[in-house]
Structure formats: structure tokens, C-alpha cells
């Protein structure tokens, strides 16, 4: 069997069992479509409310918190996906399937949560995600 036909056969089998599909990064349980100004005036959410996703970074769970006062759901989802993708790229994939983040609403950040901010002007989401990843690991090493 040639390499070309072997590759075709592997692709066919992967599609048949669903392994060729794009992997899931993040499951979003709730979405808020409001600016921070609207939240402050018309919402029942506390000012400290936001989205939370727990994700394993270098083998330890990290609670990431995306405050509504800083960003809306779309921005929080974009940042969460960028952090998850960066983590997957940097850390070697294990023999287990990749972890999926679950983004949900919290009324306030949990204790010891890592509060994620929007990227500064001129910094891409991907660059900011990489910097957040680096800061999380640095803070963990300082605490140890």
C-alpha cells in the first residue's frame, strides 16, 4: 500500500468514527448580551458578576474569571478559547483526550480565581492569552 493510499484510508476511517471532526474547546452555558453600562443600569447581576471557566494548566486546575464589568460574553468566550488553544499548543498532548472548558456565569469571582482582563490596545487576543498563561504559571511558582 502506498503512503498516499494509506493516508486516504486513515482519513476515511477517521471521518467514519468522527475523529476527523474539529475538537471542542469550550462549552458556553450562558450568554449575556449587554455592555457594562447596561449591566450597571438595568440588570439584576451584581457588579462583580462574570463568566468562569476552570481549566487545567500544567496539571493544576486554574479558575479563570471574566468579569462583566470588563467584557461581555463574546469577548470572554474569545479570550477563554484563546487561552485554551494556547495551553493546548504549549503543553504536550497527553494520551488522554484534550480537556474541554465550560464557561458559566458566577455572581462573584471564586476565591483565588485568575481575573482575566481585555488585551491592551495594540495587543492581539492570542498574544494576550499567551501573556495570561505565562503570568498564571509565574504566579503559581512564586506562591510555591
N, C-alpha and C. Protein backbone atom coordinates (compact mmCIF):
# COMPACT_ATOMS: atom_id res chain seq x y z
N UNK A 1 0.86 -1.17 0.00
CA UNK A 1 0.00 0.00 0.00
C UNK A 1 0.90 1.23 0.00
N UNK A 2 0.60 2.17 -0.85
CA UNK A 2 1.41 3.39 -0.92
C UNK A 2 1.05 4.32 0.22
N UNK A 3 1.92 5.29 0.46
CA UNK A 3 1.67 6.27 1.53
C UNK A 3 0.42 7.07 1.24
N UNK A 4 0.23 7.42 -0.03
CA UNK A 4 -0.94 8.21 -0.42
C UNK A 4 -2.23 7.45 -0.14
N UNK A 5 -2.27 6.18 -0.51
CA UNK A 5 -3.49 5.40 -0.27
C UNK A 5 -3.68 5.12 1.22
N UNK A 6 -2.59 4.96 1.96
CA UNK A 6 -2.68 4.78 3.40
C UNK A 6 -3.26 6.02 4.07
N UNK A 7 -2.78 7.19 3.65
CA UNK A 7 -3.30 8.46 4.19
C UNK A 7 -4.79 8.60 3.89
N UNK A 8 -5.19 8.28 2.67
CA UNK A 8 -6.61 8.35 2.29
C UNK A 8 -7.45 7.41 3.14
N UNK A 9 -6.94 6.21 3.37
CA UNK A 9 -7.67 5.24 4.18
C UNK A 9 -7.79 5.71 5.63
N UNK A 10 -6.74 6.30 6.17
CA UNK A 10 -6.79 6.83 7.54
C UNK A 10 -7.80 7.97 7.64
N UNK A 11 -7.83 8.85 6.66
CA UNK A 11 -8.80 9.94 6.66
C UNK A 11 -10.23 9.40 6.58
N UNK A 12 -10.44 8.38 5.73
CA UNK A 12 -11.76 7.79 5.59
C UNK A 12 -12.22 7.17 6.92
N UNK A 13 -11.31 6.44 7.58
CA UNK A 13 -11.65 5.82 8.87
C UNK A 13 -11.89 6.89 9.94
N UNK A 14 -11.09 7.93 9.96
CA UNK A 14 -11.26 9.00 10.94
C UNK A 14 -12.61 9.67 10.77
N UNK A 15 -13.02 9.90 9.53
CA UNK A 15 -14.34 10.51 9.30
C UNK A 15 -15.46 9.57 9.72
N UNK A 16 -15.26 8.30 9.47
CA UNK A 16 -16.28 7.31 9.82
C UNK A 16 -16.53 7.24 11.32
N UNK A 17 -15.48 7.35 12.12
CA UNK A 17 -15.65 7.27 13.58
C UNK A 17 -15.80 8.64 14.24
N UNK A 18 -15.73 9.71 13.43
CA UNK A 18 -15.91 11.06 13.98
C UNK A 18 -14.65 11.68 14.52
N UNK A 19 -13.51 11.06 14.32
CA UNK A 19 -12.25 11.61 14.82
C UNK A 19 -11.71 12.73 13.94
N UNK A 20 -12.26 12.90 12.76
CA UNK A 20 -11.78 13.95 11.86
C UNK A 20 -12.46 15.28 12.16
N UNK A 21 -13.49 15.25 12.99
CA UNK A 21 -14.19 16.48 13.32
C UNK A 21 -13.30 17.39 14.15
N UNK A 22 -13.59 18.69 14.07
CA UNK A 22 -12.84 19.66 14.86
C UNK A 22 -13.12 19.42 16.34
N UNK A 23 -12.09 19.48 17.16
CA UNK A 23 -12.28 19.20 18.58
C UNK A 23 -13.01 20.35 19.27
N UNK A 24 -13.70 20.02 20.34
CA UNK A 24 -14.43 21.01 21.12
C UNK A 24 -13.48 21.65 22.11
N UNK A 25 -13.45 22.98 22.16
CA UNK A 25 -12.60 23.71 23.09
C UNK A 25 -13.38 24.16 24.31
N UNK A 26 -14.58 24.70 24.06
CA UNK A 26 -15.29 25.40 25.11
C UNK A 26 -16.79 25.19 24.94
N UNK A 27 -17.46 24.90 26.04
CA UNK A 27 -18.92 24.80 26.05
C UNK A 27 -19.42 26.01 26.83
N UNK A 28 -20.29 26.80 26.19
CA UNK A 28 -20.80 28.01 26.81
C UNK A 28 -22.20 27.72 27.33
N UNK A 29 -22.39 27.88 28.64
CA UNK A 29 -23.68 27.57 29.26
C UNK A 29 -24.62 28.77 29.29
N UNK A 30 -24.09 29.97 29.35
CA UNK A 30 -24.93 31.16 29.44
C UNK A 30 -24.25 32.31 28.73
N UNK A 31 -25.04 33.14 28.08
CA UNK A 31 -24.51 34.28 27.34
C UNK A 31 -25.25 35.53 27.78
N UNK A 32 -24.51 36.60 28.03
CA UNK A 32 -25.09 37.89 28.39
C UNK A 32 -24.80 38.85 27.25
N UNK A 33 -25.82 39.39 26.65
CA UNK A 33 -25.66 40.35 25.56
C UNK A 33 -25.95 41.75 26.10
N UNK A 34 -24.97 42.31 26.77
CA UNK A 34 -25.13 43.65 27.32
C UNK A 34 -23.77 44.26 27.55
N UNK A 35 -23.71 45.57 27.38
CA UNK A 35 -22.46 46.26 27.68
C UNK A 35 -22.38 46.46 29.19
N UNK A 36 -21.22 46.81 29.67
CA UNK A 36 -21.08 47.01 31.11
C UNK A 36 -21.96 48.15 31.60
N UNK A 37 -22.21 49.16 30.75
CA UNK A 37 -23.09 50.27 31.14
C UNK A 37 -24.52 49.78 31.33
N UNK A 38 -24.99 48.93 30.41
CA UNK A 38 -26.34 48.37 30.53
C UNK A 38 -26.45 47.49 31.76
N UNK A 39 -25.42 46.72 32.05
CA UNK A 39 -25.44 45.86 33.23
C UNK A 39 -25.59 46.68 34.50
N UNK A 40 -24.89 47.80 34.57
CA UNK A 40 -24.93 48.62 35.78
C UNK A 40 -26.29 49.26 35.98
N UNK A 41 -27.00 49.57 34.87
CA UNK A 41 -28.27 50.29 34.99
C UNK A 41 -29.50 49.38 35.03
N UNK A 42 -29.51 48.31 34.21
CA UNK A 42 -30.76 47.58 34.02
C UNK A 42 -30.72 46.12 34.46
N UNK A 43 -29.64 45.66 35.00
CA UNK A 43 -29.52 44.24 35.29
C UNK A 43 -29.60 43.94 36.77
N UNK A 44 -30.02 42.71 37.05
CA UNK A 44 -30.04 42.24 38.43
C UNK A 44 -28.71 41.62 38.83
N UNK A 45 -27.75 41.54 37.88
CA UNK A 45 -26.45 40.97 38.18
C UNK A 45 -25.66 41.89 39.10
N UNK A 46 -24.98 41.32 40.09
CA UNK A 46 -24.09 42.15 40.91
C UNK A 46 -22.94 42.68 40.06
N UNK A 47 -22.34 43.76 40.50
CA UNK A 47 -21.24 44.36 39.74
C UNK A 47 -20.06 43.41 39.61
N UNK A 48 -19.94 42.46 40.50
CA UNK A 48 -18.81 41.53 40.47
C UNK A 48 -19.08 40.30 39.61
N UNK A 49 -20.24 40.22 38.96
CA UNK A 49 -20.61 39.04 38.17
C UNK A 49 -19.73 38.89 36.94
N UNK A 50 -19.67 37.67 36.45
CA UNK A 50 -18.89 37.40 35.24
C UNK A 50 -18.97 35.93 34.87
N UNK A 51 -18.19 35.58 33.87
CA UNK A 51 -18.10 34.19 33.46
C UNK A 51 -16.92 33.51 34.14
N UNK A 52 -17.05 32.22 34.33
CA UNK A 52 -15.97 31.44 34.94
C UNK A 52 -15.75 30.19 34.10
N UNK A 53 -14.49 29.82 33.94
CA UNK A 53 -14.14 28.54 33.32
C UNK A 53 -12.96 27.97 34.09
N UNK A 54 -13.07 26.71 34.45
CA UNK A 54 -11.96 26.01 35.12
C UNK A 54 -11.21 25.23 34.05
N UNK A 55 -9.88 25.38 34.05
CA UNK A 55 -9.07 24.68 33.05
C UNK A 55 -7.76 24.26 33.67
N UNK A 56 -7.26 23.13 33.26
CA UNK A 56 -6.02 22.58 33.80
C UNK A 56 -4.84 23.19 33.04
N UNK A 57 -3.92 23.82 33.77
CA UNK A 57 -2.69 24.38 33.20
C UNK A 57 -1.52 23.73 33.91
N UNK A 58 -0.68 23.08 33.14
CA UNK A 58 0.45 22.32 33.66
C UNK A 58 0.04 21.38 34.80
N UNK A 59 -1.08 20.70 34.59
CA UNK A 59 -1.52 19.68 35.53
C UNK A 59 -2.29 20.18 36.74
N UNK A 60 -2.45 21.48 36.88
CA UNK A 60 -3.20 22.03 38.02
C UNK A 60 -4.38 22.85 37.52
N UNK A 61 -5.51 22.67 38.18
CA UNK A 61 -6.72 23.39 37.80
C UNK A 61 -6.59 24.88 38.11
N UNK A 62 -7.00 25.72 37.16
CA UNK A 62 -7.00 27.17 37.35
C UNK A 62 -8.41 27.67 37.07
N UNK A 63 -8.93 28.47 37.97
CA UNK A 63 -10.24 29.08 37.77
C UNK A 63 -10.02 30.43 37.08
N UNK A 64 -10.48 30.55 35.85
CA UNK A 64 -10.37 31.80 35.10
C UNK A 64 -11.69 32.54 35.21
N UNK A 65 -11.64 33.83 35.54
CA UNK A 65 -12.85 34.63 35.72
C UNK A 65 -12.82 35.81 34.76
N UNK A 66 -13.90 35.99 34.02
CA UNK A 66 -14.04 37.04 33.01
C UNK A 66 -15.16 37.99 33.46
N UNK A 67 -14.81 39.10 34.15
CA UNK A 67 -15.84 39.97 34.75
C UNK A 67 -16.66 40.74 33.70
N UNK A 68 -17.97 40.83 33.93
CA UNK A 68 -18.84 41.59 33.03
C UNK A 68 -18.51 43.07 33.05
N UNK A 69 -17.95 43.56 34.14
CA UNK A 69 -17.57 44.97 34.21
C UNK A 69 -16.45 45.28 33.22
N UNK A 70 -15.71 44.24 32.82
CA UNK A 70 -14.57 44.39 31.91
C UNK A 70 -14.93 44.02 30.48
N UNK A 71 -15.82 43.02 30.31
CA UNK A 71 -16.10 42.49 28.97
C UNK A 71 -17.47 41.85 28.91
N UNK A 72 -17.98 41.67 27.68
CA UNK A 72 -19.24 40.96 27.52
C UNK A 72 -18.97 39.47 27.25
N UNK A 73 -20.02 38.71 27.04
CA UNK A 73 -19.88 37.26 26.87
C UNK A 73 -19.04 36.89 25.65
N UNK A 74 -19.24 37.60 24.55
CA UNK A 74 -18.48 37.29 23.34
C UNK A 74 -16.98 37.50 23.55
N UNK A 75 -16.63 38.58 24.21
CA UNK A 75 -15.21 38.85 24.49
C UNK A 75 -14.64 37.82 25.46
N UNK A 76 -15.42 37.46 26.48
CA UNK A 76 -14.99 36.45 27.43
C UNK A 76 -14.79 35.10 26.76
N UNK A 77 -15.72 34.73 25.88
CA UNK A 77 -15.61 33.47 25.16
C UNK A 77 -14.38 33.47 24.25
N UNK A 78 -14.14 34.58 23.57
CA UNK A 78 -12.97 34.68 22.68
C UNK A 78 -11.66 34.53 23.47
N UNK A 79 -11.59 35.19 24.63
CA UNK A 79 -10.39 35.08 25.46
C UNK A 79 -10.23 33.68 26.04
N UNK A 80 -11.33 33.08 26.48
CA UNK A 80 -11.26 31.71 27.03
C UNK A 80 -10.76 30.74 25.97
N UNK A 81 -11.29 30.84 24.75
CA UNK A 81 -10.84 29.96 23.66
C UNK A 81 -9.36 30.18 23.37
N UNK A 82 -8.93 31.45 23.36
CA UNK A 82 -7.52 31.74 23.07
C UNK A 82 -6.60 31.15 24.13
N UNK A 83 -7.01 31.25 25.40
CA UNK A 83 -6.19 30.68 26.49
C UNK A 83 -6.15 29.16 26.38
N UNK A 84 -7.29 28.54 26.07
CA UNK A 84 -7.34 27.09 25.93
C UNK A 84 -6.48 26.64 24.75
N UNK A 85 -6.60 27.31 23.62
CA UNK A 85 -5.78 26.96 22.45
C UNK A 85 -4.30 27.12 22.74
N UNK A 86 -3.94 28.21 23.42
CA UNK A 86 -2.53 28.43 23.75
C UNK A 86 -2.02 27.32 24.68
N UNK A 87 -2.83 26.97 25.67
CA UNK A 87 -2.45 25.91 26.60
C UNK A 87 -2.25 24.59 25.86
N UNK A 88 -3.16 24.28 24.95
CA UNK A 88 -3.03 23.04 24.18
C UNK A 88 -1.78 23.04 23.29
N UNK A 89 -1.44 24.20 22.74
CA UNK A 89 -0.28 24.29 21.87
C UNK A 89 1.02 24.17 22.65
N UNK A 90 1.07 24.78 23.83
CA UNK A 90 2.31 24.81 24.62
C UNK A 90 2.55 23.49 25.33
N UNK A 91 1.51 22.94 25.91
CA UNK A 91 1.67 21.71 26.68
C UNK A 91 1.53 20.52 25.75
N UNK A 92 2.37 19.56 25.96
CA UNK A 92 2.33 18.35 25.12
C UNK A 92 1.02 17.62 25.33
N UNK A 93 0.39 17.22 24.22
CA UNK A 93 -0.84 16.45 24.40
C UNK A 93 -0.55 15.13 25.08
N UNK A 94 -1.38 14.80 26.02
CA UNK A 94 -1.21 13.53 26.73
C UNK A 94 -1.92 12.43 25.96
N UNK A 95 -1.88 11.24 26.51
CA UNK A 95 -2.56 10.13 25.85
C UNK A 95 -4.07 10.21 26.04
N UNK A 96 -4.52 11.14 26.87
CA UNK A 96 -5.95 11.35 27.08
C UNK A 96 -6.46 12.41 26.12
N UNK A 97 -7.77 12.44 25.90
CA UNK A 97 -8.32 13.47 25.03
C UNK A 97 -8.20 14.83 25.71
N UNK A 98 -8.17 15.86 24.90
CA UNK A 98 -7.99 17.21 25.43
C UNK A 98 -9.17 17.62 26.30
N UNK A 99 -8.88 18.40 27.31
CA UNK A 99 -9.90 18.88 28.22
C UNK A 99 -10.78 19.91 27.52
N UNK A 100 -12.04 19.99 27.90
CA UNK A 100 -12.98 20.98 27.37
C UNK A 100 -13.33 21.93 28.49
N UNK A 101 -13.27 23.23 28.23
CA UNK A 101 -13.65 24.23 29.23
C UNK A 101 -15.15 24.44 29.22
N UNK A 102 -15.72 24.74 30.37
CA UNK A 102 -17.15 25.05 30.47
C UNK A 102 -17.29 26.45 31.03
N UNK A 103 -17.83 27.35 30.21
CA UNK A 103 -17.98 28.76 30.57
C UNK A 103 -19.37 28.97 31.14
N UNK A 104 -19.45 29.42 32.38
CA UNK A 104 -20.73 29.62 33.04
C UNK A 104 -20.71 30.95 33.78
N UNK A 105 -21.86 31.38 34.25
CA UNK A 105 -21.98 32.66 34.96
C UNK A 105 -21.79 32.45 36.46
N UNK A 106 -21.07 33.37 37.07
CA UNK A 106 -20.91 33.41 38.53
C UNK A 106 -21.28 34.82 38.99
N UNK A 107 -21.83 34.92 40.18
CA UNK A 107 -22.19 36.24 40.72
C UNK A 107 -20.98 36.99 41.23
N UNK A 108 -19.95 36.26 41.58
CA UNK A 108 -18.71 36.89 42.02
C UNK A 108 -17.57 35.91 41.76
N UNK A 109 -16.36 36.43 41.63
CA UNK A 109 -15.25 35.51 41.35
C UNK A 109 -14.98 34.61 42.55
N UNK A 110 -14.72 33.34 42.30
CA UNK A 110 -14.35 32.45 43.40
C UNK A 110 -13.02 32.88 44.01
N UNK A 111 -12.80 32.47 45.23
CA UNK A 111 -11.53 32.79 45.89
C UNK A 111 -10.39 32.18 45.07
N UNK A 112 -9.31 32.91 44.94
CA UNK A 112 -8.13 32.50 44.18
C UNK A 112 -8.36 32.38 42.68
N UNK A 113 -9.41 33.01 42.16
CA UNK A 113 -9.64 32.98 40.71
C UNK A 113 -8.66 33.91 40.01
N UNK A 114 -8.28 33.54 38.81
CA UNK A 114 -7.43 34.39 37.98
C UNK A 114 -8.36 35.28 37.18
N UNK A 115 -8.35 36.60 37.45
CA UNK A 115 -9.23 37.53 36.76
C UNK A 115 -8.58 37.93 35.44
N UNK A 116 -9.25 37.58 34.35
CA UNK A 116 -8.75 37.86 33.01
C UNK A 116 -9.24 39.23 32.57
N UNK A 117 -8.35 40.01 32.00
CA UNK A 117 -8.68 41.34 31.51
C UNK A 117 -8.66 41.34 29.99
N UNK A 118 -9.20 42.39 29.41
CA UNK A 118 -9.12 42.55 27.95
C UNK A 118 -7.69 42.88 27.57
N UNK A 119 -7.30 42.55 26.35
CA UNK A 119 -5.94 42.89 25.92
C UNK A 119 -5.77 44.40 25.81
N UNK A 120 -4.59 44.90 26.15
CA UNK A 120 -4.33 46.33 25.95
C UNK A 120 -4.38 46.67 24.46
N UNK A 121 -4.55 47.92 24.18
CA UNK A 121 -4.60 48.36 22.78
C UNK A 121 -3.31 47.98 22.06
N UNK A 122 -3.45 47.45 20.87
CA UNK A 122 -2.29 47.06 20.08
C UNK A 122 -1.82 45.64 20.32
N UNK A 123 -2.47 44.93 21.26
CA UNK A 123 -2.09 43.54 21.58
C UNK A 123 -3.21 42.63 21.09
N UNK A 124 -2.85 41.59 20.35
CA UNK A 124 -3.87 40.67 19.85
C UNK A 124 -4.38 39.78 20.98
N UNK A 125 -5.52 39.18 20.76
CA UNK A 125 -6.10 38.26 21.75
C UNK A 125 -5.15 37.09 21.99
N UNK A 126 -4.54 36.59 20.92
CA UNK A 126 -3.61 35.46 21.05
C UNK A 126 -2.38 35.84 21.87
N UNK A 127 -1.84 37.02 21.64
CA UNK A 127 -0.69 37.49 22.42
C UNK A 127 -1.07 37.66 23.88
N UNK A 128 -2.26 38.20 24.11
CA UNK A 128 -2.73 38.42 25.48
C UNK A 128 -2.96 37.09 26.19
N UNK A 129 -3.50 36.10 25.46
CA UNK A 129 -3.71 34.77 26.04
C UNK A 129 -2.38 34.16 26.44
N UNK A 130 -1.38 34.30 25.59
CA UNK A 130 -0.05 33.77 25.90
C UNK A 130 0.53 34.46 27.13
N UNK A 131 0.31 35.76 27.26
CA UNK A 131 0.81 36.50 28.41
C UNK A 131 0.07 36.09 29.68
N UNK A 132 -1.25 35.89 29.59
CA UNK A 132 -2.02 35.43 30.75
C UNK A 132 -1.52 34.05 31.20
N UNK A 133 -1.26 33.16 30.26
CA UNK A 133 -0.73 31.83 30.55
C UNK A 133 0.60 31.95 31.30
N UNK A 134 1.49 32.79 30.78
CA UNK A 134 2.80 32.98 31.41
C UNK A 134 2.64 33.53 32.83
N UNK A 135 1.76 34.51 33.01
CA UNK A 135 1.55 35.11 34.33
C UNK A 135 0.96 34.11 35.32
N UNK A 136 0.07 33.26 34.86
CA UNK A 136 -0.53 32.24 35.74
C UNK A 136 0.56 31.31 36.26
N UNK A 137 1.41 30.84 35.37
CA UNK A 137 2.49 29.93 35.78
C UNK A 137 3.48 30.65 36.68
N UNK A 138 3.80 31.89 36.35
CA UNK A 138 4.73 32.67 37.18
C UNK A 138 4.16 32.88 38.60
N UNK A 139 2.88 33.23 38.69
CA UNK A 139 2.24 33.44 39.99
C UNK A 139 2.21 32.15 40.79
N UNK A 140 1.97 31.04 40.14
CA UNK A 140 1.96 29.74 40.80
C UNK A 140 3.34 29.40 41.36
N UNK A 141 4.39 29.66 40.56
CA UNK A 141 5.74 29.38 41.00
C UNK A 141 6.17 30.26 42.18
N UNK A 142 5.70 31.52 42.19
CA UNK A 142 6.02 32.42 43.29
C UNK A 142 5.32 32.00 44.58
N UNK A 143 4.11 31.46 44.44
CA UNK A 143 3.35 31.04 45.61
C UNK A 143 3.90 29.74 46.22
N UNK A 144 4.60 28.96 45.41
CA UNK A 144 5.10 27.67 45.89
C UNK A 144 6.34 27.78 46.72
